[in-house]
Amino acid sequence: MSAQVNSVEGKRVCLSGNFTYGPKSAVEKHIVAHGGIMDSGVKKSTDILLIGNEGSQDYSNGNYGTKVKKAMEYNEKGCKIQIIKEADFVFEK
């Protein structure tokens, strides 16, 4: 996992899991309102994979979700996708 993210302006962001902030639609609106671009899935061009604090059923028994696995695979091939937990993401006002 990476360090804190303070800005999403011009960044491609993908969401995974469930968020304490609210429903994914609210998180998406917040990111777009601050200049971010939403990716529905992890791509080579994704800059940030944001993982909700509430996790997902996919994460049960210590398993990662498929988006996290895909981001890690891309990173092994030279991509630079930041994998960030919601707790390390600063929701700008």
Protein backbone atom coordinates (compact mmCIF):
# COMPACT_ATOMS: atom_id res chain seq x y z
CA MET A 1 0.00 0.00 0.00
CA SER A 2 1.13 3.49 -0.71
CA ALA A 3 1.26 6.80 1.13
CA GLN A 4 -1.55 9.28 1.61
CA VAL A 5 -3.17 10.81 -1.48
CA ASN A 6 -4.21 14.45 -1.26
CA SER A 7 -5.26 15.22 -4.84
CA VAL A 8 -6.97 13.33 -7.66
CA GLU A 9 -6.87 16.14 -10.21
CA GLY A 10 -6.12 14.65 -13.62
CA LYS A 11 -5.78 11.14 -12.13
CA ARG A 12 -7.62 8.02 -13.26
CA VAL A 13 -9.24 6.40 -10.22
CA CYS A 14 -10.88 2.99 -9.77
CA LEU A 15 -12.89 2.02 -6.68
CA SER A 16 -12.98 -1.34 -4.89
CA GLY A 17 -14.99 -2.49 -1.86
CA ASN A 18 -17.42 -0.55 0.30
CA PHE A 19 -16.71 2.91 1.68
CA THR A 20 -17.20 4.48 5.10
CA TYR A 21 -17.57 7.84 3.27
CA GLY A 22 -20.80 6.56 1.71
CA PRO A 23 -22.01 4.69 -1.36
CA LYS A 24 -19.63 4.33 -4.32
CA SER A 25 -21.77 6.81 -6.26
CA ALA A 26 -21.02 9.50 -3.62
CA VAL A 27 -17.30 8.68 -3.70
CA GLU A 28 -17.31 8.85 -7.52
CA LYS A 29 -19.09 12.25 -7.49
CA HIS A 30 -16.54 13.58 -4.99
CA ILE A 31 -13.60 12.39 -7.08
CA VAL A 32 -15.03 13.80 -10.33
CA ALA A 33 -15.85 17.11 -8.59
CA HIS A 34 -12.14 17.36 -7.69
CA GLY A 35 -10.87 16.71 -11.20
CA GLY A 36 -10.48 12.93 -11.10
CA ILE A 37 -11.45 10.58 -13.92
CA MET A 38 -13.30 7.38 -13.01
CA ASP A 39 -12.28 3.95 -14.32
CA SER A 40 -14.89 1.23 -13.79
CA GLY A 41 -12.16 -1.41 -13.82
CA VAL A 42 -8.41 -1.48 -13.31
CA LYS A 43 -6.52 -0.65 -16.52
CA LYS A 44 -2.87 -0.06 -17.33
CA SER A 45 -3.73 3.66 -17.42
CA THR A 46 -5.30 3.67 -13.92
CA ASP A 47 -3.37 5.90 -11.50
CA ILE A 48 -5.10 5.04 -8.21
CA LEU A 49 -7.04 2.04 -6.94
CA LEU A 50 -8.98 3.26 -3.90
CA ILE A 51 -10.07 0.51 -1.50
CA GLY A 52 -12.99 1.21 0.83
CA ASN A 53 -12.52 0.82 4.58
CA GLU A 54 -15.55 -1.46 4.73
CA GLY A 55 -13.91 -3.94 2.33
CA SER A 56 -15.98 -6.36 0.33
CA GLN A 57 -17.20 -9.94 0.57
CA ASP A 58 -14.36 -10.66 -1.91
CA TYR A 59 -11.87 -9.86 0.86
CA SER A 60 -13.13 -12.54 3.25
CA ASN A 61 -10.65 -15.15 4.46
CA GLY A 62 -7.72 -12.85 3.64
CA ASN A 63 -8.30 -12.84 -0.11
CA TYR A 64 -7.79 -9.71 -2.17
CA GLY A 65 -10.48 -8.58 -4.55
CA THR A 66 -9.92 -9.07 -8.27
CA LYS A 67 -9.22 -5.36 -8.81
CA VAL A 68 -6.39 -5.43 -6.27
CA LYS A 69 -4.93 -8.56 -7.87
CA LYS A 70 -5.11 -6.97 -11.32
CA ALA A 71 -3.43 -3.75 -10.09
CA MET A 72 -0.66 -5.78 -8.46
CA GLU A 73 -0.15 -7.75 -11.70
CA TYR A 74 0.07 -4.54 -13.74
CA ASN A 75 2.53 -3.09 -11.23
CA GLU A 76 4.74 -6.19 -11.58
CA LYS A 77 4.83 -5.40 -15.33
CA GLY A 78 6.01 -1.83 -14.76
CA CYS A 79 2.76 0.13 -14.27
CA LYS A 80 2.56 2.55 -11.37
CA ILE A 81 -0.93 2.09 -9.94
CA GLN A 82 -1.14 3.39 -6.38
CA ILE A 83 -3.19 1.04 -4.21
CA ILE A 84 -4.65 3.24 -1.48
CA LYS A 85 -6.89 2.44 1.48
CA GLU A 86 -9.77 4.81 2.10
CA ALA A 87 -8.19 5.74 5.47
CA ASP A 88 -5.15 7.12 3.56
CA PHE A 89 -7.24 9.12 1.10
CA VAL A 90 -7.91 12.76 1.96
CA PHE A 91 -11.41 13.72 0.87
CA GLU A 92 -10.88 17.32 -0.23
CA LYS A 93 -13.55 19.82 0.72
